[in-house]
Amino acid sequence: MSQQVLFEKDEMIIKFTGLTMLAGLKKELRLPYKDIKGVETSGFKLHWLALRIGGTSLPNGYKAGRFVYKAERYFLHYSNPNNVVQLLLEGHDFDKVVIEVGKPKEIKNAILKRLEK
């Protein structure tokens, strides 16, 4: 996965590069800490009835881009749903952001540390 997670003072930034950027139709996501209401690292499964709004969904499990299911807006970027961080958001363009990262628990702890401030 070609992405970079940056922790700034007031927001988390996820930058996408190369084909990853094209597949998800997004160069970066800016997520203010005040909008993050929860963080999970358990496996993620997108409901099969979810509607792809823009992006990529391949049979091998690769998902990138915008999806909607039951009025919830998702931004997804993963190929292995067991190596993801799920961000539960409020007051943002998306209700949930799910991204694959190398060390989900470390990223989760880094986010939670910033939410405590």
N, C-alpha and C. Protein backbone atom coordinates (compact mmCIF):
# COMPACT_ATOMS: atom_id res chain seq x y z
N MET A 1 0.85 -1.17 0.00
CA MET A 1 0.00 0.00 0.00
C MET A 1 0.90 1.24 0.00
N SER A 2 0.70 2.10 -0.93
CA SER A 2 1.51 3.30 -1.05
C SER A 2 0.81 4.47 -0.39
N GLN A 3 1.03 4.58 0.91
CA GLN A 3 0.46 5.70 1.64
C GLN A 3 1.38 6.04 2.80
N GLN A 4 1.17 7.22 3.31
CA GLN A 4 1.98 7.71 4.42
C GLN A 4 1.03 8.34 5.42
N VAL A 5 1.19 7.99 6.69
CA VAL A 5 0.37 8.55 7.76
C VAL A 5 1.22 9.57 8.51
N LEU A 6 0.73 10.80 8.56
CA LEU A 6 1.44 11.88 9.25
C LEU A 6 0.58 12.38 10.40
N PHE A 7 1.22 12.64 11.54
CA PHE A 7 0.52 13.18 12.69
C PHE A 7 0.95 14.62 12.89
N GLU A 8 0.04 15.53 12.64
CA GLU A 8 0.29 16.96 12.83
C GLU A 8 -0.31 17.37 14.18
N LYS A 9 -0.20 18.64 14.51
CA LYS A 9 -0.68 19.13 15.80
C LYS A 9 -2.19 18.91 15.98
N ASP A 10 -2.99 19.29 14.98
CA ASP A 10 -4.44 19.23 15.10
C ASP A 10 -5.12 18.21 14.20
N GLU A 11 -4.33 17.53 13.37
CA GLU A 11 -4.96 16.60 12.43
C GLU A 11 -4.01 15.49 12.03
N MET A 12 -4.62 14.43 11.55
CA MET A 12 -3.91 13.30 10.98
C MET A 12 -4.04 13.42 9.47
N ILE A 13 -2.96 13.21 8.74
CA ILE A 13 -2.99 13.30 7.28
C ILE A 13 -2.57 11.96 6.71
N ILE A 14 -3.37 11.45 5.79
CA ILE A 14 -3.02 10.22 5.08
C ILE A 14 -2.76 10.62 3.64
N LYS A 15 -1.52 10.43 3.18
CA LYS A 15 -1.13 10.79 1.81
C LYS A 15 -1.01 9.52 0.97
N PHE A 16 -1.61 9.56 -0.20
CA PHE A 16 -1.57 8.44 -1.13
C PHE A 16 -0.70 8.82 -2.32
N THR A 17 0.03 7.84 -2.87
CA THR A 17 0.92 8.11 -4.00
C THR A 17 0.73 7.06 -5.10
N GLY A 18 1.20 7.38 -6.27
CA GLY A 18 1.24 6.44 -7.39
C GLY A 18 -0.11 5.86 -7.77
N LEU A 19 -0.10 4.57 -8.09
CA LEU A 19 -1.33 3.89 -8.50
C LEU A 19 -2.35 3.86 -7.37
N THR A 20 -1.86 3.86 -6.14
CA THR A 20 -2.75 3.88 -4.99
C THR A 20 -3.61 5.14 -5.00
N MET A 21 -3.00 6.26 -5.34
CA MET A 21 -3.72 7.53 -5.42
C MET A 21 -4.78 7.45 -6.52
N LEU A 22 -4.43 6.89 -7.65
CA LEU A 22 -5.37 6.79 -8.77
C LEU A 22 -6.52 5.84 -8.44
N ALA A 23 -6.22 4.72 -7.79
CA ALA A 23 -7.26 3.73 -7.48
C ALA A 23 -8.30 4.30 -6.53
N GLY A 24 -7.86 5.10 -5.56
CA GLY A 24 -8.78 5.67 -4.58
C GLY A 24 -9.29 7.04 -4.94
N LEU A 25 -8.80 7.60 -6.05
CA LEU A 25 -9.22 8.92 -6.52
C LEU A 25 -9.04 10.00 -5.45
N LYS A 26 -7.97 9.89 -4.67
CA LYS A 26 -7.72 10.86 -3.61
C LYS A 26 -6.21 10.97 -3.42
N LYS A 27 -5.74 12.21 -3.29
CA LYS A 27 -4.31 12.43 -3.06
C LYS A 27 -4.00 12.37 -1.57
N GLU A 28 -4.89 12.93 -0.76
CA GLU A 28 -4.70 12.89 0.69
C GLU A 28 -6.02 13.04 1.41
N LEU A 29 -6.04 12.57 2.64
CA LEU A 29 -7.18 12.74 3.54
C LEU A 29 -6.69 13.50 4.76
N ARG A 30 -7.39 14.54 5.12
CA ARG A 30 -7.07 15.29 6.34
C ARG A 30 -8.16 15.01 7.35
N LEU A 31 -7.77 14.49 8.50
CA LEU A 31 -8.73 14.10 9.52
C LEU A 31 -8.41 14.83 10.82
N PRO A 32 -9.16 15.90 11.12
CA PRO A 32 -8.95 16.60 12.38
C PRO A 32 -9.21 15.66 13.56
N TYR A 33 -8.37 15.72 14.59
CA TYR A 33 -8.54 14.83 15.75
C TYR A 33 -9.91 15.02 16.38
N LYS A 34 -10.46 16.24 16.33
CA LYS A 34 -11.76 16.50 16.94
C LYS A 34 -12.89 15.72 16.26
N ASP A 35 -12.68 15.30 15.01
CA ASP A 35 -13.69 14.53 14.27
C ASP A 35 -13.59 13.02 14.52
N ILE A 36 -12.49 12.57 15.10
CA ILE A 36 -12.28 11.13 15.33
C ILE A 36 -12.94 10.75 16.66
N LYS A 37 -13.96 9.88 16.57
CA LYS A 37 -14.72 9.47 17.76
C LYS A 37 -14.36 8.07 18.23
N GLY A 38 -13.61 7.35 17.43
CA GLY A 38 -13.20 6.00 17.83
C GLY A 38 -12.19 5.43 16.84
N VAL A 39 -11.42 4.45 17.34
CA VAL A 39 -10.40 3.79 16.51
C VAL A 39 -10.47 2.29 16.80
N GLU A 40 -10.51 1.49 15.75
CA GLU A 40 -10.56 0.04 15.90
C GLU A 40 -9.51 -0.60 15.00
N THR A 41 -9.05 -1.78 15.41
CA THR A 41 -8.09 -2.51 14.58
C THR A 41 -8.58 -3.91 14.22
N SER A 42 -9.80 -4.23 14.61
CA SER A 42 -10.33 -5.55 14.27
C SER A 42 -10.57 -5.65 12.77
N GLY A 43 -10.69 -6.85 12.27
CA GLY A 43 -10.91 -7.05 10.84
C GLY A 43 -12.14 -6.30 10.35
N PHE A 44 -12.12 -5.89 9.11
CA PHE A 44 -13.21 -5.11 8.53
C PHE A 44 -13.80 -5.86 7.35
N LYS A 45 -15.12 -5.87 7.26
CA LYS A 45 -15.79 -6.49 6.12
C LYS A 45 -16.84 -5.52 5.61
N LEU A 46 -16.67 -5.10 4.38
CA LEU A 46 -17.64 -4.22 3.74
C LEU A 46 -18.82 -5.07 3.27
N HIS A 47 -20.02 -4.62 3.58
CA HIS A 47 -21.21 -5.35 3.17
C HIS A 47 -21.26 -5.43 1.65
N TRP A 48 -21.68 -6.57 1.13
CA TRP A 48 -21.68 -6.78 -0.32
C TRP A 48 -22.65 -5.87 -1.05
N LEU A 49 -23.62 -5.28 -0.35
CA LEU A 49 -24.55 -4.35 -0.98
C LEU A 49 -24.06 -2.90 -0.97
N ALA A 50 -22.88 -2.67 -0.41
CA ALA A 50 -22.33 -1.31 -0.38
C ALA A 50 -22.14 -0.80 -1.81
N LEU A 51 -22.48 0.44 -2.00
CA LEU A 51 -22.40 1.06 -3.33
C LEU A 51 -21.07 1.79 -3.48
N ARG A 52 -20.34 1.47 -4.53
CA ARG A 52 -19.08 2.16 -4.82
C ARG A 52 -19.41 3.47 -5.53
N ILE A 53 -19.02 4.59 -4.92
CA ILE A 53 -19.30 5.91 -5.48
C ILE A 53 -18.18 6.35 -6.42
N GLY A 54 -16.97 6.06 -6.06
CA GLY A 54 -15.81 6.40 -6.87
C GLY A 54 -14.61 5.66 -6.33
N GLY A 55 -13.90 4.99 -7.17
CA GLY A 55 -12.74 4.24 -6.71
C GLY A 55 -12.70 2.87 -7.34
N THR A 56 -12.14 1.92 -6.59
CA THR A 56 -11.87 0.59 -7.11
C THR A 56 -12.33 -0.47 -6.13
N SER A 57 -12.91 -1.53 -6.65
CA SER A 57 -13.29 -2.69 -5.84
C SER A 57 -13.02 -3.94 -6.67
N LEU A 58 -12.01 -4.71 -6.27
CA LEU A 58 -11.63 -5.90 -7.02
C LEU A 58 -12.04 -7.17 -6.28
N PRO A 59 -12.29 -8.26 -7.00
CA PRO A 59 -12.72 -9.51 -6.37
C PRO A 59 -11.71 -10.08 -5.36
N ASN A 60 -10.43 -9.76 -5.51
CA ASN A 60 -9.42 -10.28 -4.59
C ASN A 60 -9.44 -9.59 -3.23
N GLY A 61 -10.33 -8.63 -3.03
CA GLY A 61 -10.46 -7.95 -1.74
C GLY A 61 -9.95 -6.53 -1.73
N TYR A 62 -9.25 -6.10 -2.78
CA TYR A 62 -8.72 -4.73 -2.82
C TYR A 62 -9.86 -3.74 -2.96
N LYS A 63 -9.90 -2.78 -2.04
CA LYS A 63 -10.91 -1.73 -2.06
C LYS A 63 -10.20 -0.39 -1.87
N ALA A 64 -10.56 0.58 -2.70
CA ALA A 64 -9.99 1.92 -2.57
C ALA A 64 -11.01 2.92 -3.08
N GLY A 65 -11.29 3.93 -2.26
CA GLY A 65 -12.20 4.98 -2.69
C GLY A 65 -13.41 5.13 -1.79
N ARG A 66 -14.45 5.72 -2.37
CA ARG A 66 -15.66 6.07 -1.61
C ARG A 66 -16.75 5.02 -1.81
N PHE A 67 -17.38 4.66 -0.70
CA PHE A 67 -18.47 3.68 -0.71
C PHE A 67 -19.57 4.18 0.22
N VAL A 68 -20.80 3.73 -0.04
CA VAL A 68 -21.94 4.08 0.81
C VAL A 68 -22.72 2.82 1.12
N TYR A 69 -23.11 2.67 2.39
CA TYR A 69 -23.98 1.57 2.79
C TYR A 69 -24.86 2.06 3.93
N LYS A 70 -26.19 1.92 3.75
CA LYS A 70 -27.17 2.36 4.76
C LYS A 70 -26.89 3.79 5.22
N ALA A 71 -26.71 4.68 4.28
CA ALA A 71 -26.50 6.11 4.53
C ALA A 71 -25.19 6.43 5.26
N GLU A 72 -24.33 5.44 5.46
CA GLU A 72 -23.01 5.70 6.03
C GLU A 72 -22.01 5.82 4.89
N ARG A 73 -21.16 6.85 4.99
CA ARG A 73 -20.16 7.13 3.95
C ARG A 73 -18.80 6.60 4.41
N TYR A 74 -18.18 5.81 3.56
CA TYR A 74 -16.90 5.18 3.86
C TYR A 74 -15.83 5.66 2.89
N PHE A 75 -14.61 5.79 3.40
CA PHE A 75 -13.44 5.88 2.53
C PHE A 75 -12.58 4.67 2.88
N LEU A 76 -12.32 3.83 1.89
CA LEU A 76 -11.59 2.59 2.12
C LEU A 76 -10.31 2.56 1.31
N HIS A 77 -9.31 1.93 1.91
CA HIS A 77 -8.06 1.73 1.19
C HIS A 77 -7.33 0.54 1.81
N TYR A 78 -7.62 -0.66 1.29
CA TYR A 78 -6.99 -1.86 1.84
C TYR A 78 -7.07 -3.02 0.85
N SER A 79 -6.19 -3.99 1.05
CA SER A 79 -6.30 -5.26 0.35
C SER A 79 -6.42 -6.40 1.35
N ASN A 80 -5.89 -6.21 2.55
CA ASN A 80 -6.01 -7.20 3.62
C ASN A 80 -6.85 -6.59 4.75
N PRO A 81 -8.11 -7.00 4.90
CA PRO A 81 -8.99 -6.40 5.90
C PRO A 81 -8.58 -6.70 7.35
N ASN A 82 -7.58 -7.55 7.54
CA ASN A 82 -7.11 -7.85 8.89
C ASN A 82 -5.96 -6.97 9.33
N ASN A 83 -5.43 -6.13 8.44
CA ASN A 83 -4.33 -5.21 8.78
C ASN A 83 -4.79 -3.76 8.66
N VAL A 84 -5.98 -3.47 9.13
CA VAL A 84 -6.53 -2.13 8.94
C VAL A 84 -6.70 -1.39 10.26
N VAL A 85 -6.74 -0.08 10.13
CA VAL A 85 -7.17 0.81 11.20
C VAL A 85 -8.49 1.41 10.71
N GLN A 86 -9.50 1.33 11.57
CA GLN A 86 -10.81 1.90 11.26
C GLN A 86 -11.00 3.15 12.11
N LEU A 87 -11.25 4.26 11.46
CA LEU A 87 -11.48 5.52 12.16
C LEU A 87 -12.97 5.84 12.08
N LEU A 88 -13.61 5.97 13.23
CA LEU A 88 -15.02 6.33 13.30
C LEU A 88 -15.09 7.84 13.45
N LEU A 89 -15.76 8.48 12.51
CA LEU A 89 -15.74 9.94 12.43
C LEU A 89 -17.12 10.55 12.65
N GLU A 90 -17.10 11.79 13.08
CA GLU A 90 -18.33 12.57 13.24
C GLU A 90 -18.04 14.00 12.79
N GLY A 91 -18.94 14.57 12.00
CA GLY A 91 -18.74 15.93 11.52
C GLY A 91 -17.73 16.02 10.38
N HIS A 92 -17.53 14.93 9.68
CA HIS A 92 -16.56 14.86 8.58
C HIS A 92 -17.29 14.42 7.32
N ASP A 93 -16.62 14.51 6.17
CA ASP A 93 -17.20 14.04 4.90
C ASP A 93 -17.50 12.55 4.92
N PHE A 94 -16.74 11.78 5.71
CA PHE A 94 -16.92 10.34 5.82
C PHE A 94 -17.32 9.97 7.24
N ASP A 95 -18.09 8.89 7.36
CA ASP A 95 -18.45 8.37 8.68
C ASP A 95 -17.41 7.38 9.18
N LYS A 96 -16.74 6.72 8.22
CA LYS A 96 -15.71 5.76 8.59
C LYS A 96 -14.61 5.77 7.53
N VAL A 97 -13.36 5.78 8.00
CA VAL A 97 -12.20 5.66 7.12
C VAL A 97 -11.48 4.38 7.53
N VAL A 98 -11.23 3.51 6.57
CA VAL A 98 -10.57 2.23 6.83
C VAL A 98 -9.34 2.15 5.92
N ILE A 99 -8.15 2.11 6.53
CA ILE A 99 -6.92 2.04 5.74
C ILE A 99 -6.04 0.90 6.23
N GLU A 100 -5.35 0.28 5.30
CA GLU A 100 -4.41 -0.77 5.65
C GLU A 100 -3.07 -0.13 6.01
N VAL A 101 -2.52 -0.58 7.13
CA VAL A 101 -1.22 -0.08 7.58
C VAL A 101 -0.37 -1.26 8.01
N GLY A 102 0.94 -1.05 8.09
CA GLY A 102 1.85 -2.12 8.46
C GLY A 102 1.69 -2.60 9.89
N LYS A 103 1.47 -1.66 10.80
CA LYS A 103 1.35 -2.00 12.22
C LYS A 103 0.09 -1.32 12.79
N PRO A 104 -1.07 -1.94 12.60
CA PRO A 104 -2.34 -1.30 13.00
C PRO A 104 -2.40 -0.89 14.47
N LYS A 105 -1.90 -1.75 15.37
CA LYS A 105 -2.00 -1.42 16.80
C LYS A 105 -1.14 -0.22 17.17
N GLU A 106 0.02 -0.09 16.54
CA GLU A 106 0.88 1.07 16.80
C GLU A 106 0.23 2.36 16.31
N ILE A 107 -0.38 2.31 15.13
CA ILE A 107 -1.07 3.49 14.60
C ILE A 107 -2.26 3.83 15.50
N LYS A 108 -3.01 2.81 15.92
CA LYS A 108 -4.15 3.04 16.81
C LYS A 108 -3.69 3.75 18.09
N ASN A 109 -2.63 3.24 18.71
CA ASN A 109 -2.13 3.86 19.95
C ASN A 109 -1.66 5.29 19.72
N ALA A 110 -1.02 5.55 18.59
CA ALA A 110 -0.56 6.91 18.28
C ALA A 110 -1.76 7.86 18.14
N ILE A 111 -2.83 7.37 17.52
CA ILE A 111 -4.03 8.20 17.36
C ILE A 111 -4.68 8.44 18.72
N LEU A 112 -4.85 7.37 19.51
CA LEU A 112 -5.49 7.51 20.82
C LEU A 112 -4.72 8.47 21.72
N LYS A 113 -3.40 8.45 21.64
CA LYS A 113 -2.57 9.37 22.44
C LYS A 113 -2.92 10.82 22.08
N ARG A 114 -3.12 11.09 20.81
CA ARG A 114 -3.44 12.46 20.38
C ARG A 114 -4.88 12.85 20.71
N LEU A 115 -5.77 11.87 20.80
CA LEU A 115 -7.16 12.16 21.15
C LEU A 115 -7.30 12.52 22.63
N GLU A 116 -6.37 12.07 23.46
CA GLU A 116 -6.42 12.34 24.90
C GLU A 116 -6.10 13.80 25.22
N LYS A 117 -5.41 14.48 24.32
CA LYS A 117 -4.98 15.86 24.59
C LYS A 117 -6.13 16.82 24.57
